[in-house]
Amino acid sequence: MDITNSTSVNAAVSSASNGTPGTVANAAGMMVLRKAMDVQEAGAAALLAALPKAPAALATEGSLGRNVDTYA
């Protein structure tokens, strides 16, 4: 998932960076941004965990399993 061009992420970053440092609004914006990034991280981790494991290697010796990948 590519979030570099996401409008919600761009809006959160813009809102967090445009505020006056040390204000409650800026602190709240940073908290929201961090929470959004944590949610994105959790979603990406879940997608990576859902990927199937790599198939076993093909045979390198003998007459069976060298020319046809029966896993696919």
PDB file of N, CA and C in Angstrom:
ATOM      1  N   MET A   1       0.846  -1.171   0.000  1.00  0.00           N
ATOM      2  CA  MET A   1       0.000   0.000   0.000  1.00  0.00           C
ATOM      3  C   MET A   1       0.890   1.232   0.000  1.00  0.00           C
ATOM      4  N   ASP A   2       0.660   2.091  -0.956  1.00  0.00           N
ATOM      5  CA  ASP A   2       1.466   3.299  -1.080  1.00  0.00           C
ATOM      6  C   ASP A   2       0.684   4.467  -0.505  1.00  0.00           C
ATOM      7  N   ILE A   3       1.215   5.076   0.566  1.00  0.00           N
ATOM      8  CA  ILE A   3       0.516   6.190   1.205  1.00  0.00           C
ATOM      9  C   ILE A   3       1.152   7.526   0.868  1.00  0.00           C
ATOM     10  N   THR A   4       2.137   7.530  -0.039  1.00  0.00           N
ATOM     11  CA  THR A   4       2.841   8.770  -0.328  1.00  0.00           C
ATOM     12  C   THR A   4       1.939   9.803  -0.989  1.00  0.00           C
ATOM     13  N   ASN A   5       0.936   9.377  -1.758  1.00  0.00           N
ATOM     14  CA  ASN A   5       0.050  10.322  -2.434  1.00  0.00           C
ATOM     15  C   ASN A   5      -1.343  10.343  -1.835  1.00  0.00           C
ATOM     16  N   SER A   6      -1.501   9.795  -0.638  1.00  0.00           N
ATOM     17  CA  SER A   6      -2.806   9.766   0.012  1.00  0.00           C
ATOM     18  C   SER A   6      -3.189  11.164   0.480  1.00  0.00           C
ATOM     19  N   THR A   7      -4.401  11.585   0.147  1.00  0.00           N
ATOM     20  CA  THR A   7      -4.834  12.929   0.521  1.00  0.00           C
ATOM     21  C   THR A   7      -5.013  13.066   2.027  1.00  0.00           C
ATOM     22  N   SER A   8      -5.461  12.007   2.699  1.00  0.00           N
ATOM     23  CA  SER A   8      -5.654  12.106   4.148  1.00  0.00           C
ATOM     24  C   SER A   8      -4.323  12.234   4.871  1.00  0.00           C
ATOM     25  N   VAL A   9      -3.308  11.516   4.396  1.00  0.00           N
ATOM     26  CA  VAL A   9      -1.984  11.618   5.011  1.00  0.00           C
ATOM     27  C   VAL A   9      -1.387  12.987   4.732  1.00  0.00           C
ATOM     28  N   ASN A  10      -1.518  13.468   3.505  1.00  0.00           N
ATOM     29  CA  ASN A  10      -1.011  14.796   3.165  1.00  0.00           C
ATOM     30  C   ASN A  10      -1.702  15.876   4.001  1.00  0.00           C
ATOM     31  N   ALA A  11      -3.002  15.745   4.199  1.00  0.00           N
ATOM     32  CA  ALA A  11      -3.733  16.728   4.991  1.00  0.00           C
ATOM     33  C   ALA A  11      -3.286  16.682   6.451  1.00  0.00           C
ATOM     34  N   ALA A  12      -3.068  15.489   6.987  1.00  0.00           N
ATOM     35  CA  ALA A  12      -2.635  15.366   8.379  1.00  0.00           C
ATOM     36  C   ALA A  12      -1.246  15.950   8.575  1.00  0.00           C
ATOM     37  N   VAL A  13      -0.348  15.662   7.632  1.00  0.00           N
ATOM     38  CA  VAL A  13       1.015  16.198   7.725  1.00  0.00           C
ATOM     39  C   VAL A  13       0.983  17.714   7.601  1.00  0.00           C
ATOM     40  N   SER A  14       0.216  18.229   6.667  1.00  0.00           N
ATOM     41  CA  SER A  14       0.122  19.675   6.472  1.00  0.00           C
ATOM     42  C   SER A  14      -0.457  20.358   7.696  1.00  0.00           C
ATOM     43  N   SER A  15      -1.514  19.769   8.245  1.00  0.00           N
ATOM     44  CA  SER A  15      -2.144  20.356   9.426  1.00  0.00           C
ATOM     45  C   SER A  15      -1.221  20.312  10.631  1.00  0.00           C
ATOM     46  N   ALA A  16      -0.478  19.221  10.783  1.00  0.00           N
ATOM     47  CA  ALA A  16       0.424  19.099  11.929  1.00  0.00           C
ATOM     48  C   ALA A  16       1.621  20.031  11.806  1.00  0.00           C
ATOM     49  N   SER A  17       2.104  20.240  10.588  1.00  0.00           N
ATOM     50  CA  SER A  17       3.299  21.070  10.410  1.00  0.00           C
ATOM     51  C   SER A  17       2.996  22.562  10.330  1.00  0.00           C
ATOM     52  N   ASN A  18       1.766  22.954  10.038  1.00  0.00           N
ATOM     53  CA  ASN A  18       1.422  24.371   9.916  1.00  0.00           C
ATOM     54  C   ASN A  18       1.071  25.024  11.242  1.00  0.00           C
ATOM     55  N   GLY A  19       0.829  24.232  12.275  1.00  0.00           N
ATOM     56  CA  GLY A  19       0.432  24.797  13.569  1.00  0.00           C
ATOM     57  C   GLY A  19       1.615  25.434  14.279  1.00  0.00           C
ATOM     58  N   THR A  20       1.290  26.267  15.265  1.00  0.00           N
ATOM     59  CA  THR A  20       2.313  26.902  16.084  1.00  0.00           C
ATOM     60  C   THR A  20       2.882  25.864  17.044  1.00  0.00           C
ATOM     61  N   PRO A  21       4.208  25.721  17.091  1.00  0.00           N
ATOM     62  CA  PRO A  21       4.795  24.712  17.976  1.00  0.00           C
ATOM     63  C   PRO A  21       4.429  24.981  19.429  1.00  0.00           C
ATOM     64  N   GLY A  22       4.129  23.933  20.159  1.00  0.00           N
ATOM     65  CA  GLY A  22       3.821  24.060  21.567  1.00  0.00           C
ATOM     66  C   GLY A  22       2.368  24.318  21.878  1.00  0.00           C
ATOM     67  N   THR A  23       1.506  24.355  20.888  1.00  0.00           N
ATOM     68  CA  THR A  23       0.086  24.589  21.150  1.00  0.00           C
ATOM     69  C   THR A  23      -0.648  23.263  21.299  1.00  0.00           C
ATOM     70  N   VAL A  24      -1.803  23.329  21.890  1.00  0.00           N
ATOM     71  CA  VAL A  24      -2.629  22.132  22.069  1.00  0.00           C
ATOM     72  C   VAL A  24      -3.065  21.591  20.713  1.00  0.00           C
ATOM     73  N   ALA A  25      -3.407  22.483  19.790  1.00  0.00           N
ATOM     74  CA  ALA A  25      -3.842  22.054  18.464  1.00  0.00           C
ATOM     75  C   ALA A  25      -2.722  21.306  17.746  1.00  0.00           C
ATOM     76  N   ASN A  26      -1.489  21.797  17.864  1.00  0.00           N
ATOM     77  CA  ASN A  26      -0.368  21.128  17.230  1.00  0.00           C
ATOM     78  C   ASN A  26      -0.121  19.769  17.868  1.00  0.00           C
ATOM     79  N   ALA A  27      -0.215  19.691  19.185  1.00  0.00           N
ATOM     80  CA  ALA A  27      -0.026  18.420  19.879  1.00  0.00           C
ATOM     81  C   ALA A  27      -1.101  17.418  19.470  1.00  0.00           C
ATOM     82  N   ALA A  28      -2.336  17.884  19.365  1.00  0.00           N
ATOM     83  CA  ALA A  28      -3.428  17.006  18.945  1.00  0.00           C
ATOM     84  C   ALA A  28      -3.219  16.539  17.506  1.00  0.00           C
ATOM     85  N   GLY A  29      -2.770  17.440  16.653  1.00  0.00           N
ATOM     86  CA  GLY A  29      -2.493  17.064  15.265  1.00  0.00           C
ATOM     87  C   GLY A  29      -1.400  16.011  15.167  1.00  0.00           C
ATOM     88  N   MET A  30      -0.372  16.159  15.972  1.00  0.00           N
ATOM     89  CA  MET A  30       0.711  15.177  15.971  1.00  0.00           C
ATOM     90  C   MET A  30       0.226  13.827  16.494  1.00  0.00           C
ATOM     91  N   MET A  31      -0.639  13.851  17.504  1.00  0.00           N
ATOM     92  CA  MET A  31      -1.179  12.594  18.028  1.00  0.00           C
ATOM     93  C   MET A  31      -2.029  11.879  16.980  1.00  0.00           C
ATOM     94  N   VAL A  32      -2.836  12.643  16.258  1.00  0.00           N
ATOM     95  CA  VAL A  32      -3.667  12.064  15.205  1.00  0.00           C
ATOM     96  C   VAL A  32      -2.788  11.505  14.093  1.00  0.00           C
ATOM     97  N   LEU A  33      -1.753  12.244  13.716  1.00  0.00           N
ATOM     98  CA  LEU A  33      -0.841  11.777  12.680  1.00  0.00           C
ATOM     99  C   LEU A  33      -0.145  10.494  13.103  1.00  0.00           C
ATOM    100  N   ARG A  34       0.337  10.446  14.337  1.00  0.00           N
ATOM    101  CA  ARG A  34       1.004   9.232  14.823  1.00  0.00           C
ATOM    102  C   ARG A  34       0.040   8.058  14.854  1.00  0.00           C
ATOM    103  N   LYS A  35      -1.195   8.290  15.279  1.00  0.00           N
ATOM    104  CA  LYS A  35      -2.195   7.229  15.323  1.00  0.00           C
ATOM    105  C   LYS A  35      -2.487   6.722  13.917  1.00  0.00           C
ATOM    106  N   ALA A  36      -2.610   7.623  12.959  1.00  0.00           N
ATOM    107  CA  ALA A  36      -2.856   7.215  11.570  1.00  0.00           C
ATOM    108  C   ALA A  36      -1.698   6.396  11.027  1.00  0.00           C
ATOM    109  N   MET A  37      -0.490   6.795  11.363  1.00  0.00           N
ATOM    110  CA  MET A  37       0.677   6.046  10.895  1.00  0.00           C
ATOM    111  C   MET A  37       0.753   4.674  11.573  1.00  0.00           C
ATOM    112  N   ASP A  38       0.349   4.589  12.853  1.00  0.00           N
ATOM    113  CA  ASP A  38       0.318   3.298  13.538  1.00  0.00           C
ATOM    114  C   ASP A  38      -0.707   2.360  12.907  1.00  0.00           C
ATOM    115  N   VAL A  39      -1.856   2.910  12.516  1.00  0.00           N
ATOM    116  CA  VAL A  39      -2.886   2.102  11.864  1.00  0.00           C
ATOM    117  C   VAL A  39      -2.378   1.603  10.510  1.00  0.00           C
ATOM    118  N   GLN A  40      -1.697   2.481   9.762  1.00  0.00           N
ATOM    119  CA  GLN A  40      -1.122   2.081   8.477  1.00  0.00           C
ATOM    120  C   GLN A  40      -0.088   0.980   8.677  1.00  0.00           C
ATOM    121  N   GLU A  41       0.735   1.118   9.721  1.00  0.00           N
ATOM    122  CA  GLU A  41       1.759   0.111  10.006  1.00  0.00           C
ATOM    123  C   GLU A  41       1.121  -1.228  10.338  1.00  0.00           C
ATOM    124  N   ALA A  42       0.076  -1.212  11.152  1.00  0.00           N
ATOM    125  CA  ALA A  42      -0.602  -2.449  11.525  1.00  0.00           C
ATOM    126  C   ALA A  42      -1.246  -3.109  10.302  1.00  0.00           C
ATOM    127  N   GLY A  43      -1.831  -2.301   9.431  1.00  0.00           N
ATOM    128  CA  GLY A  43      -2.429  -2.845   8.209  1.00  0.00           C
ATOM    129  C   GLY A  43      -1.393  -3.463   7.295  1.00  0.00           C
ATOM    130  N   ALA A  44      -0.261  -2.806   7.144  1.00  0.00           N
ATOM    131  CA  ALA A  44       0.805  -3.336   6.298  1.00  0.00           C
ATOM    132  C   ALA A  44       1.371  -4.620   6.893  1.00  0.00           C
ATOM    133  N   ALA A  45       1.529  -4.662   8.218  1.00  0.00           N
ATOM    134  CA  ALA A  45       2.038  -5.873   8.868  1.00  0.00           C
ATOM    135  C   ALA A  45       1.061  -7.030   8.686  1.00  0.00           C
ATOM    136  N   ALA A  46      -0.239  -6.749   8.763  1.00  0.00           N
ATOM    137  CA  ALA A  46      -1.241  -7.799   8.569  1.00  0.00           C
ATOM    138  C   ALA A  46      -1.206  -8.325   7.138  1.00  0.00           C
ATOM    139  N   LEU A  47      -1.034  -7.425   6.167  1.00  0.00           N
ATOM    140  CA  LEU A  47      -0.941  -7.867   4.774  1.00  0.00           C
ATOM    141  C   LEU A  47       0.301  -8.721   4.543  1.00  0.00           C
ATOM    142  N   LEU A  48       1.417  -8.311   5.131  1.00  0.00           N
ATOM    143  CA  LEU A  48       2.643  -9.099   4.979  1.00  0.00           C
ATOM    144  C   LEU A  48       2.515 -10.453   5.656  1.00  0.00           C
ATOM    145  N   ALA A  49       1.851 -10.515   6.789  1.00  0.00           N
ATOM    146  CA  ALA A  49       1.672 -11.787   7.494  1.00  0.00           C
ATOM    147  C   ALA A  49       0.747 -12.723   6.722  1.00  0.00           C
ATOM    148  N   ALA A  50      -0.150 -12.167   5.911  1.00  0.00           N
ATOM    149  CA  ALA A  50      -1.107 -12.975   5.162  1.00  0.00           C
ATOM    150  C   ALA A  50      -0.512 -13.568   3.886  1.00  0.00           C
ATOM    151  N   LEU A  51       0.674 -13.140   3.507  1.00  0.00           N
ATOM    152  CA  LEU A  51       1.290 -13.681   2.300  1.00  0.00           C
ATOM    153  C   LEU A  51       1.585 -15.164   2.473  1.00  0.00           C
ATOM    154  N   PRO A  52       1.379 -15.951   1.416  1.00  0.00           N
ATOM    155  CA  PRO A  52       1.680 -17.380   1.540  1.00  0.00           C
ATOM    156  C   PRO A  52       3.186 -17.607   1.648  1.00  0.00           C
ATOM    157  N   LYS A  53       3.529 -18.705   2.293  1.00  0.00           N
ATOM    158  CA  LYS A  53       4.940 -19.038   2.428  1.00  0.00           C
ATOM    159  C   LYS A  53       5.506 -19.431   1.071  1.00  0.00           C
ATOM    160  N   ALA A  54       6.815 -19.273   0.909  1.00  0.00           N
ATOM    161  CA  ALA A  54       7.477 -19.613  -0.347  1.00  0.00           C
ATOM    162  C   ALA A  54       7.391 -21.121  -0.568  1.00  0.00           C
ATOM    163  N   PRO A  55       7.174 -21.551  -1.795  1.00  0.00           N
ATOM    164  CA  PRO A  55       7.103 -22.987  -2.069  1.00  0.00           C
ATOM    165  C   PRO A  55       8.461 -23.648  -1.870  1.00  0.00           C
ATOM    166  N   ALA A  56       8.415 -24.953  -1.686  1.00  0.00           N
ATOM    167  CA  ALA A  56       9.652 -25.716  -1.531  1.00  0.00           C
ATOM    168  C   ALA A  56      10.456 -25.647  -2.831  1.00  0.00           C
ATOM    169  N   ALA A  57      11.746 -25.769  -2.693  1.00  0.00           N
ATOM    170  CA  ALA A  57      12.628 -25.713  -3.870  1.00  0.00           C
ATOM    171  C   ALA A  57      12.376 -26.915  -4.784  1.00  0.00           C
ATOM    172  N   LEU A  58      12.579 -26.701  -6.048  1.00  0.00           N
ATOM    173  CA  LEU A  58      12.429 -27.782  -7.016  1.00  0.00           C
ATOM    174  C   LEU A  58      13.573 -28.778  -6.867  1.00  0.00           C
ATOM    175  N   ALA A  59      13.333 -29.979  -7.324  1.00  0.00           N
ATOM    176  CA  ALA A  59      14.362 -31.015  -7.259  1.00  0.00           C
ATOM    177  C   ALA A  59      15.530 -30.636  -8.164  1.00  0.00           C
ATOM    178  N   THR A  60      16.732 -30.969  -7.722  1.00  0.00           N
ATOM    179  CA  THR A  60      17.915 -30.686  -8.532  1.00  0.00           C
ATOM    180  C   THR A  60      18.540 -31.956  -9.071  1.00  0.00           C
ATOM    181  N   GLU A  61      18.088 -33.099  -8.577  1.00  0.00           N
ATOM    182  CA  GLU A  61      18.618 -34.384  -9.045  1.00  0.00           C
ATOM    183  C   GLU A  61      17.467 -35.321  -9.368  1.00  0.00           C
ATOM    184  N   GLY A  62      17.744 -36.332 -10.161  1.00  0.00           N
ATOM    185  CA  GLY A  62      16.740 -37.316 -10.498  1.00  0.00           C
ATOM    186  C   GLY A  62      15.914 -36.900 -11.693  1.00  0.00           C
ATOM    187  N   SER A  63      14.953 -37.778 -12.031  1.00  0.00           N
ATOM    188  CA  SER A  63      14.156 -37.519 -13.234  1.00  0.00           C
ATOM    189  C   SER A  63      12.803 -36.900 -12.915  1.00  0.00           C
ATOM    190  N   LEU A  64      12.428 -36.799 -11.644  1.00  0.00           N
ATOM    191  CA  LEU A  64      11.129 -36.246 -11.293  1.00  0.00           C
ATOM    192  C   LEU A  64      11.267 -34.862 -10.675  1.00  0.00           C
ATOM    193  N   GLY A  65      10.403 -33.965 -11.060  1.00  0.00           N
ATOM    194  CA  GLY A  65      10.328 -32.658 -10.447  1.00  0.00           C
ATOM    195  C   GLY A  65      11.376 -31.661 -10.908  1.00  0.00           C
ATOM    196  N   ARG A  66      12.075 -31.955 -11.973  1.00  0.00           N
ATOM    197  CA  ARG A  66      13.100 -31.032 -12.437  1.00  0.00           C
ATOM    198  C   ARG A  66      12.603 -30.103 -13.521  1.00  0.00           C
ATOM    199  N   ASN A  67      11.602 -30.511 -14.272  1.00  0.00           N
ATOM    200  CA  ASN A  67      11.197 -29.729 -15.427  1.00  0.00           C
ATOM    201  C   ASN A  67       9.817 -29.085 -15.282  1.00  0.00           C
ATOM    202  N   VAL A  68       9.001 -29.570 -14.362  1.00  0.00           N
ATOM    203  CA  VAL A  68       7.664 -29.036 -14.197  1.00  0.00           C
ATOM    204  C   VAL A  68       7.493 -28.604 -12.741  1.00  0.00           C
ATOM    205  N   ASP A  69       7.063 -27.360 -12.545  1.00  0.00           N
ATOM    206  CA  ASP A  69       6.805 -26.871 -11.196  1.00  0.00           C
ATOM    207  C   ASP A  69       5.369 -27.242 -10.855  1.00  0.00           C
ATOM    208  N   THR A  70       5.192 -28.311 -10.104  1.00  0.00           N
ATOM    209  CA  THR A  70       3.841 -28.791  -9.810  1.00  0.00           C
ATOM    210  C   THR A  70       3.173 -27.984  -8.713  1.00  0.00           C
ATOM    211  N   TYR A  71       3.887 -27.108  -8.047  1.00  0.00           N
ATOM    212  CA  TYR A  71       3.309 -26.276  -6.987  1.00  0.00           C
ATOM    213  C   TYR A  71       2.361 -25.248  -7.592  1.00  0.00           C
ATOM    214  N   ALA A  72       2.765 -24.656  -8.703  1.00  0.00           N
ATOM    215  CA  ALA A  72       1.954 -23.612  -9.321  1.00  0.00           C
ATOM    216  C   ALA A  72       0.717 -24.219  -9.894  1.00  0.00           C
TER     217      ALA A  72
END
